[in-house]
Amino acid sequence: ERVCVCVVCSALFFVHHAFFSAFLGHKQVSVEDVRAFCKGKLATFKIPQYVVMVEEYPMTVTGKIQKFLLRDMAAAALGLTKG
């Protein structure tokens, strides 16, 4: 699984974070693999500035990924606070 979230840094500036499971299928994936794949498939401004490998995603009881928690994790890593 993979999830991309945007974190608002200022009124007009977004930082793209990509969260990936360390294993996609049976192959182990590295941060470099993700960036190399994106460079050939996405416009430059859409390539995630940060790639984070996670063991598991925060899930709801119905099995959906809680993207708001990933967004909070990304903001905390950047030193941003709500306010």
N, C-alpha and C. Protein backbone atom coordinates (compact mmCIF):
# COMPACT_ATOMS: atom_id res chain seq x y z
N GLU A 1 0.82 -1.19 0.00
CA GLU A 1 0.00 0.00 0.00
C GLU A 1 0.86 1.24 0.00
N ARG A 2 0.31 2.32 -0.52
CA ARG A 2 1.01 3.60 -0.53
C ARG A 2 -0.03 4.70 -0.38
N VAL A 3 0.39 5.77 0.28
CA VAL A 3 -0.50 6.90 0.54
C VAL A 3 0.31 8.17 0.39
N CYS A 4 -0.24 9.16 -0.29
CA CYS A 4 0.39 10.47 -0.38
C CYS A 4 -0.50 11.49 0.32
N VAL A 5 0.12 12.36 1.10
CA VAL A 5 -0.62 13.44 1.75
C VAL A 5 0.14 14.74 1.52
N CYS A 6 -0.59 15.84 1.56
CA CYS A 6 0.02 17.16 1.46
C CYS A 6 -0.08 17.86 2.80
N VAL A 7 0.98 18.53 3.17
CA VAL A 7 1.01 19.32 4.40
C VAL A 7 1.13 20.78 4.00
N VAL A 8 0.26 21.62 4.53
CA VAL A 8 0.29 23.04 4.21
C VAL A 8 1.33 23.72 5.09
N CYS A 9 2.35 24.32 4.45
CA CYS A 9 3.41 25.02 5.18
C CYS A 9 3.13 26.51 5.28
N SER A 10 2.46 27.06 4.31
CA SER A 10 2.08 28.47 4.32
C SER A 10 0.85 28.61 3.42
N ALA A 11 0.41 29.82 3.20
CA ALA A 11 -0.81 30.03 2.43
C ALA A 11 -0.76 29.41 1.03
N LEU A 12 0.41 29.42 0.40
CA LEU A 12 0.51 28.93 -0.97
C LEU A 12 1.54 27.81 -1.16
N PHE A 13 2.00 27.21 -0.08
CA PHE A 13 3.08 26.24 -0.19
C PHE A 13 2.67 24.92 0.44
N PHE A 14 2.73 23.85 -0.35
CA PHE A 14 2.41 22.52 0.12
C PHE A 14 3.66 21.65 0.06
N VAL A 15 3.80 20.76 1.00
CA VAL A 15 4.89 19.79 0.98
C VAL A 15 4.27 18.42 0.81
N HIS A 16 4.72 17.69 -0.19
CA HIS A 16 4.18 16.37 -0.47
C HIS A 16 4.96 15.32 0.32
N HIS A 17 4.24 14.52 1.05
CA HIS A 17 4.80 13.39 1.79
C HIS A 17 4.21 12.12 1.20
N ALA A 18 5.04 11.13 0.95
CA ALA A 18 4.56 9.83 0.50
C ALA A 18 4.86 8.83 1.60
N PHE A 19 3.88 8.05 1.96
CA PHE A 19 4.05 6.98 2.95
C PHE A 19 3.93 5.65 2.23
N PHE A 20 4.91 4.79 2.43
CA PHE A 20 4.92 3.49 1.79
C PHE A 20 5.17 2.41 2.81
N SER A 21 4.57 1.27 2.56
CA SER A 21 4.93 0.08 3.31
C SER A 21 6.29 -0.34 2.79
N ALA A 22 7.16 -0.81 3.66
CA ALA A 22 8.52 -1.18 3.25
C ALA A 22 8.50 -2.34 2.25
N PHE A 23 7.41 -3.10 2.22
CA PHE A 23 7.31 -4.21 1.28
C PHE A 23 6.08 -4.02 0.41
N LEU A 24 6.28 -3.96 -0.89
CA LEU A 24 5.17 -3.94 -1.84
C LEU A 24 5.17 -5.30 -2.53
N GLY A 25 4.14 -6.06 -2.28
CA GLY A 25 4.13 -7.43 -2.78
C GLY A 25 5.18 -8.23 -2.01
N HIS A 26 6.13 -8.80 -2.73
CA HIS A 26 7.20 -9.57 -2.10
C HIS A 26 8.54 -8.88 -2.21
N LYS A 27 8.57 -7.67 -2.78
CA LYS A 27 9.82 -6.97 -3.01
C LYS A 27 10.00 -5.86 -1.98
N GLN A 28 11.18 -5.78 -1.41
CA GLN A 28 11.46 -4.68 -0.49
C GLN A 28 11.74 -3.42 -1.31
N VAL A 29 11.15 -2.30 -0.89
CA VAL A 29 11.25 -1.05 -1.62
C VAL A 29 12.03 -0.05 -0.78
N SER A 30 12.93 0.70 -1.43
CA SER A 30 13.70 1.72 -0.71
C SER A 30 13.20 3.11 -1.11
N VAL A 31 13.62 4.11 -0.36
CA VAL A 31 13.28 5.50 -0.65
C VAL A 31 13.79 5.86 -2.05
N GLU A 32 14.98 5.43 -2.39
CA GLU A 32 15.55 5.73 -3.70
C GLU A 32 14.71 5.12 -4.83
N ASP A 33 14.20 3.90 -4.60
CA ASP A 33 13.34 3.25 -5.59
C ASP A 33 12.09 4.09 -5.86
N VAL A 34 11.50 4.60 -4.81
CA VAL A 34 10.28 5.40 -4.93
C VAL A 34 10.56 6.67 -5.72
N ARG A 35 11.62 7.37 -5.37
CA ARG A 35 11.95 8.62 -6.06
C ARG A 35 12.28 8.37 -7.54
N ALA A 36 13.03 7.31 -7.82
CA ALA A 36 13.38 6.99 -9.20
C ALA A 36 12.12 6.68 -10.01
N PHE A 37 11.21 5.95 -9.43
CA PHE A 37 9.95 5.63 -10.11
C PHE A 37 9.15 6.90 -10.40
N CYS A 38 9.06 7.78 -9.42
CA CYS A 38 8.28 9.02 -9.57
C CYS A 38 8.86 9.94 -10.63
N LYS A 39 10.18 10.00 -10.73
CA LYS A 39 10.81 10.90 -11.70
C LYS A 39 10.41 10.55 -13.12
N GLY A 40 10.16 9.32 -13.40
CA GLY A 40 9.78 8.93 -14.75
C GLY A 40 8.29 9.00 -15.01
N LYS A 41 7.49 9.18 -13.95
CA LYS A 41 6.04 9.09 -14.11
C LYS A 41 5.27 10.36 -13.75
N LEU A 42 5.84 11.23 -12.92
CA LEU A 42 5.13 12.40 -12.42
C LEU A 42 5.81 13.69 -12.84
N ALA A 43 5.02 14.74 -12.91
CA ALA A 43 5.59 16.07 -13.12
C ALA A 43 6.48 16.40 -11.92
N THR A 44 7.51 17.18 -12.14
CA THR A 44 8.49 17.48 -11.10
C THR A 44 7.85 18.03 -9.82
N PHE A 45 6.87 18.92 -9.96
CA PHE A 45 6.27 19.51 -8.77
C PHE A 45 5.40 18.54 -7.99
N LYS A 46 5.06 17.39 -8.57
CA LYS A 46 4.25 16.39 -7.88
C LYS A 46 5.08 15.33 -7.17
N ILE A 47 6.37 15.29 -7.43
CA ILE A 47 7.23 14.28 -6.80
C ILE A 47 7.32 14.59 -5.30
N PRO A 48 7.06 13.61 -4.44
CA PRO A 48 7.11 13.86 -3.00
C PRO A 48 8.48 14.36 -2.55
N GLN A 49 8.48 15.41 -1.73
CA GLN A 49 9.74 15.90 -1.18
C GLN A 49 10.25 14.96 -0.10
N TYR A 50 9.35 14.26 0.57
CA TYR A 50 9.71 13.33 1.64
C TYR A 50 9.04 12.00 1.40
N VAL A 51 9.79 10.94 1.60
CA VAL A 51 9.25 9.58 1.50
C VAL A 51 9.50 8.90 2.83
N VAL A 52 8.45 8.35 3.41
CA VAL A 52 8.53 7.73 4.72
C VAL A 52 8.10 6.27 4.59
N MET A 53 8.94 5.37 5.06
CA MET A 53 8.59 3.95 5.09
C MET A 53 7.96 3.64 6.44
N VAL A 54 6.83 2.96 6.42
CA VAL A 54 6.13 2.61 7.66
C VAL A 54 5.89 1.11 7.71
N GLU A 55 5.85 0.60 8.93
CA GLU A 55 5.54 -0.82 9.13
C GLU A 55 4.06 -1.08 8.87
N GLU A 56 3.22 -0.18 9.40
CA GLU A 56 1.78 -0.31 9.18
C GLU A 56 1.15 1.08 9.25
N TYR A 57 -0.01 1.19 8.65
CA TYR A 57 -0.72 2.46 8.61
C TYR A 57 -1.72 2.53 9.76
N PRO A 58 -2.01 3.74 10.26
CA PRO A 58 -3.09 3.86 11.23
C PRO A 58 -4.41 3.60 10.52
N MET A 59 -5.20 2.68 11.05
CA MET A 59 -6.42 2.26 10.38
C MET A 59 -7.64 2.51 11.26
N THR A 60 -8.78 2.70 10.59
CA THR A 60 -10.05 2.77 11.31
C THR A 60 -10.51 1.34 11.58
N VAL A 61 -11.57 1.21 12.35
CA VAL A 61 -12.09 -0.14 12.63
C VAL A 61 -12.67 -0.79 11.38
N THR A 62 -12.99 0.02 10.37
CA THR A 62 -13.53 -0.53 9.13
C THR A 62 -12.44 -0.81 8.09
N GLY A 63 -11.17 -0.57 8.46
CA GLY A 63 -10.06 -0.92 7.59
C GLY A 63 -9.59 0.18 6.64
N LYS A 64 -10.01 1.41 6.87
CA LYS A 64 -9.57 2.52 6.02
C LYS A 64 -8.36 3.20 6.66
N ILE A 65 -7.45 3.68 5.82
CA ILE A 65 -6.26 4.39 6.30
C ILE A 65 -6.68 5.76 6.83
N GLN A 66 -6.21 6.11 8.01
CA GLN A 66 -6.51 7.41 8.61
C GLN A 66 -5.49 8.44 8.12
N LYS A 67 -5.80 9.07 6.99
CA LYS A 67 -4.88 10.01 6.37
C LYS A 67 -4.60 11.23 7.24
N PHE A 68 -5.58 11.63 8.05
CA PHE A 68 -5.36 12.80 8.90
C PHE A 68 -4.25 12.54 9.91
N LEU A 69 -4.11 11.30 10.36
CA LEU A 69 -3.01 10.97 11.28
C LEU A 69 -1.67 10.99 10.55
N LEU A 70 -1.64 10.54 9.30
CA LEU A 70 -0.42 10.62 8.50
C LEU A 70 -0.03 12.07 8.26
N ARG A 71 -1.04 12.91 7.98
CA ARG A 71 -0.79 14.34 7.78
C ARG A 71 -0.21 14.97 9.05
N ASP A 72 -0.75 14.57 10.21
CA ASP A 72 -0.22 15.07 11.49
C ASP A 72 1.22 14.60 11.73
N MET A 73 1.52 13.35 11.37
CA MET A 73 2.88 12.82 11.50
C MET A 73 3.83 13.60 10.61
N ALA A 74 3.41 13.90 9.39
CA ALA A 74 4.26 14.65 8.45
C ALA A 74 4.50 16.06 8.96
N ALA A 75 3.45 16.71 9.47
CA ALA A 75 3.59 18.06 9.99
C ALA A 75 4.52 18.08 11.21
N ALA A 76 4.41 17.09 12.08
CA ALA A 76 5.28 17.01 13.26
C ALA A 76 6.74 16.82 12.84
N ALA A 77 6.97 16.01 11.80
CA ALA A 77 8.34 15.79 11.33
C ALA A 77 8.95 17.06 10.77
N LEU A 78 8.10 17.95 10.23
CA LEU A 78 8.58 19.22 9.69
C LEU A 78 8.62 20.32 10.74
N GLY A 79 8.17 20.01 11.95
CA GLY A 79 8.17 21.01 13.01
C GLY A 79 7.03 22.01 12.91
N LEU A 80 5.97 21.64 12.20
CA LEU A 80 4.82 22.52 12.05
C LEU A 80 3.79 22.19 13.12
N THR A 81 3.09 23.19 13.58
CA THR A 81 2.04 22.97 14.57
C THR A 81 0.74 23.54 14.05
N LYS A 82 -0.34 23.00 14.55
CA LYS A 82 -1.65 23.52 14.17
C LYS A 82 -1.87 24.83 14.91
N GLY A 83 -2.52 25.74 14.25
CA GLY A 83 -2.77 26.92 15.01
C GLY A 83 -3.25 28.06 14.29
